[in-house]
C-alpha atoms as a PDB file:
ATOM      1  CA  UNK A   1       0.000   0.000   0.000  1.00  0.00           C
ATOM      2  CA  UNK A   2       1.387   3.362  -1.016  1.00  0.00           C
ATOM      3  CA  UNK A   3       1.533   6.159   1.558  1.00  0.00           C
ATOM      4  CA  UNK A   4       0.583   9.653   0.513  1.00  0.00           C
ATOM      5  CA  UNK A   5       1.621  12.849   2.178  1.00  0.00           C
ATOM      6  CA  UNK A   6      -1.611  14.648   1.406  1.00  0.00           C
ATOM      7  CA  UNK A   7      -2.482  17.065   4.187  1.00  0.00           C
ATOM      8  CA  UNK A   8      -5.563  16.194   6.194  1.00  0.00           C
ATOM      9  CA  UNK A   9      -8.449  18.658   6.202  1.00  0.00           C
ATOM     10  CA  UNK A  10     -10.286  19.715   9.337  1.00  0.00           C
ATOM     11  CA  UNK A  11     -13.984  20.633   9.218  1.00  0.00           C
ATOM     12  CA  UNK A  12     -15.532  22.780  11.943  1.00  0.00           C
ATOM     13  CA  UNK A  13     -19.320  22.831  12.281  1.00  0.00           C
ATOM     14  CA  UNK A  14     -20.951  25.305  14.629  1.00  0.00           C
ATOM     15  CA  UNK A  15     -22.410  28.703  15.368  1.00  0.00           C
ATOM     16  CA  UNK A  16     -20.376  31.867  15.269  1.00  0.00           C
ATOM     17  CA  UNK A  17     -20.597  35.170  17.069  1.00  0.00           C
ATOM     18  CA  UNK A  18     -18.790  38.453  17.450  1.00  0.00           C
ATOM     19  CA  UNK A  19     -16.784  38.866  20.681  1.00  0.00           C
ATOM     20  CA  UNK A  20     -16.444  42.496  21.726  1.00  0.00           C
ATOM     21  CA  UNK A  21     -14.196  43.471  24.621  1.00  0.00           C
ATOM     22  CA  UNK A  22     -14.717  46.952  26.064  1.00  0.00           C
ATOM     23  CA  UNK A  23     -11.853  47.853  28.400  1.00  0.00           C
ATOM     24  CA  UNK A  24     -12.664  50.322  31.172  1.00  0.00           C
ATOM     25  CA  UNK A  25     -11.212  52.105  34.172  1.00  0.00           C
ATOM     26  CA  UNK A  26     -13.268  52.940  37.212  1.00  0.00           C
ATOM     27  CA  UNK A  27     -12.496  55.428  39.946  1.00  0.00           C
ATOM     28  CA  UNK A  28     -15.747  55.662  41.888  1.00  0.00           C
ATOM     29  CA  UNK A  29     -19.219  54.309  42.532  1.00  0.00           C
ATOM     30  CA  UNK A  30     -22.301  56.018  41.155  1.00  0.00           C
ATOM     31  CA  UNK A  31     -23.909  58.261  43.789  1.00  0.00           C
ATOM     32  CA  UNK A  32     -27.465  57.140  42.992  1.00  0.00           C
ATOM     33  CA  UNK A  33     -26.955  53.338  42.833  1.00  0.00           C
ATOM     34  CA  UNK A  34     -24.101  51.119  44.111  1.00  0.00           C
ATOM     35  CA  UNK A  35     -22.426  50.349  40.777  1.00  0.00           C
ATOM     36  CA  UNK A  36     -19.038  51.410  39.397  1.00  0.00           C
ATOM     37  CA  UNK A  37     -18.910  54.315  36.950  1.00  0.00           C
ATOM     38  CA  UNK A  38     -16.977  53.029  33.927  1.00  0.00           C
ATOM     39  CA  UNK A  39     -14.692  55.102  31.715  1.00  0.00           C
ATOM     40  CA  UNK A  40     -14.116  53.293  28.388  1.00  0.00           C
ATOM     41  CA  UNK A  41     -10.442  53.304  27.378  1.00  0.00           C
ATOM     42  CA  UNK A  42     -10.455  51.014  24.329  1.00  0.00           C
ATOM     43  CA  UNK A  43     -12.419  48.341  22.484  1.00  0.00           C
ATOM     44  CA  UNK A  44     -11.505  45.209  20.506  1.00  0.00           C
ATOM     45  CA  UNK A  45     -13.561  42.895  18.295  1.00  0.00           C
ATOM     46  CA  UNK A  46     -12.826  39.264  17.412  1.00  0.00           C
ATOM     47  CA  UNK A  47     -14.690  36.395  15.773  1.00  0.00           C
ATOM     48  CA  UNK A  48     -16.124  34.118  18.449  1.00  0.00           C
ATOM     49  CA  UNK A  49     -17.407  30.596  19.041  1.00  0.00           C
ATOM     50  CA  UNK A  50     -16.834  28.390  15.945  1.00  0.00           C
ATOM     51  CA  UNK A  51     -15.018  31.219  14.099  1.00  0.00           C
ATOM     52  CA  UNK A  52     -12.607  31.502  17.042  1.00  0.00           C
ATOM     53  CA  UNK A  53     -11.953  27.748  16.881  1.00  0.00           C
ATOM     54  CA  UNK A  54     -11.338  28.048  13.126  1.00  0.00           C
ATOM     55  CA  UNK A  55      -8.860  30.903  13.619  1.00  0.00           C
ATOM     56  CA  UNK A  56      -6.946  29.003  16.313  1.00  0.00           C
ATOM     57  CA  UNK A  57      -6.764  25.795  14.261  1.00  0.00           C
ATOM     58  CA  UNK A  58      -5.678  27.690  11.126  1.00  0.00           C
ATOM     59  CA  UNK A  59      -2.732  29.079  13.088  1.00  0.00           C
ATOM     60  CA  UNK A  60      -1.478  25.485  13.445  1.00  0.00           C
ATOM     61  CA  UNK A  61      -3.010  23.736  10.441  1.00  0.00           C
ATOM     62  CA  UNK A  62      -3.784  25.668   7.230  1.00  0.00           C
ATOM     63  CA  UNK A  63      -6.244  23.110   5.797  1.00  0.00           C
ATOM     64  CA  UNK A  64      -9.333  24.021   7.784  1.00  0.00           C
ATOM     65  CA  UNK A  65     -12.924  24.758   6.681  1.00  0.00           C
ATOM     66  CA  UNK A  66     -15.984  25.915   8.586  1.00  0.00           C
ATOM     67  CA  UNK A  67     -19.690  25.232   8.051  1.00  0.00           C
ATOM     68  CA  UNK A  68     -22.176  27.490   9.782  1.00  0.00           C
ATOM     69  CA  UNK A  69     -25.735  28.665   9.186  1.00  0.00           C
ATOM     70  CA  UNK A  70     -25.368  31.927   7.238  1.00  0.00           C
ATOM     71  CA  UNK A  71     -29.049  32.793   7.831  1.00  0.00           C
ATOM     72  CA  UNK A  72     -28.657  32.607  11.588  1.00  0.00           C
ATOM     73  CA  UNK A  73     -28.793  35.683  13.802  1.00  0.00           C
ATOM     74  CA  UNK A  74     -25.681  37.750  14.369  1.00  0.00           C
ATOM     75  CA  UNK A  75     -24.857  37.120  18.010  1.00  0.00           C
ATOM     76  CA  UNK A  76     -22.678  39.669  19.780  1.00  0.00           C
ATOM     77  CA  UNK A  77     -21.163  39.008  23.192  1.00  0.00           C
ATOM     78  CA  UNK A  78     -19.905  42.265  24.687  1.00  0.00           C
ATOM     79  CA  UNK A  79     -17.724  41.997  27.772  1.00  0.00           C
ATOM     80  CA  UNK A  80     -16.903  45.063  29.849  1.00  0.00           C
ATOM     81  CA  UNK A  81     -13.443  44.385  31.282  1.00  0.00           C
ATOM     82  CA  UNK A  82     -11.227  46.205  33.773  1.00  0.00           C
ATOM     83  CA  UNK A  83      -8.286  47.719  31.868  1.00  0.00           C
ATOM     84  CA  UNK A  84      -5.592  46.685  34.372  1.00  0.00           C
ATOM     85  CA  UNK A  85      -6.844  43.294  35.588  1.00  0.00           C
ATOM     86  CA  UNK A  86      -8.617  40.302  33.991  1.00  0.00           C
ATOM     87  CA  UNK A  87     -11.770  41.187  35.956  1.00  0.00           C
ATOM     88  CA  UNK A  88     -15.025  41.375  33.981  1.00  0.00           C
ATOM     89  CA  UNK A  89     -17.645  43.869  35.176  1.00  0.00           C
ATOM     90  CA  UNK A  90     -20.487  42.292  33.163  1.00  0.00           C
ATOM     91  CA  UNK A  91     -21.415  40.777  29.788  1.00  0.00           C
ATOM     92  CA  UNK A  92     -24.187  41.788  27.385  1.00  0.00           C
ATOM     93  CA  UNK A  93     -25.475  39.289  24.793  1.00  0.00           C
ATOM     94  CA  UNK A  94     -27.473  40.562  21.832  1.00  0.00           C
ATOM     95  CA  UNK A  95     -28.931  38.870  18.761  1.00  0.00           C
ATOM     96  CA  UNK A  96     -29.671  40.678  15.509  1.00  0.00           C
ATOM     97  CA  UNK A  97     -31.765  39.014  12.826  1.00  0.00           C
ATOM     98  CA  UNK A  98     -30.493  39.358   9.246  1.00  0.00           C
ATOM     99  CA  UNK A  99     -32.919  41.323   7.033  1.00  0.00           C
END
């Protein structure tokens, strides 16, 4: 039997989302309710869920494909993070239906 050196392909099946990280500083609590007042310093956006898996696998193995439902809602997961520590203040999930 003859061996071939054909590269193997990897198929990823799953839902995708948009991961948004909003980095904030806080110096005080709000005077009217006991929550921190956030000052946004920067924001990043990355593909999430199955698209994140695809990106990580492609960094190691270039022969990777993804199958996802293109008619599905755009899901955004927004995390409000402390700028200087890995602490998350809260997360907001939102779904937008494609027109």
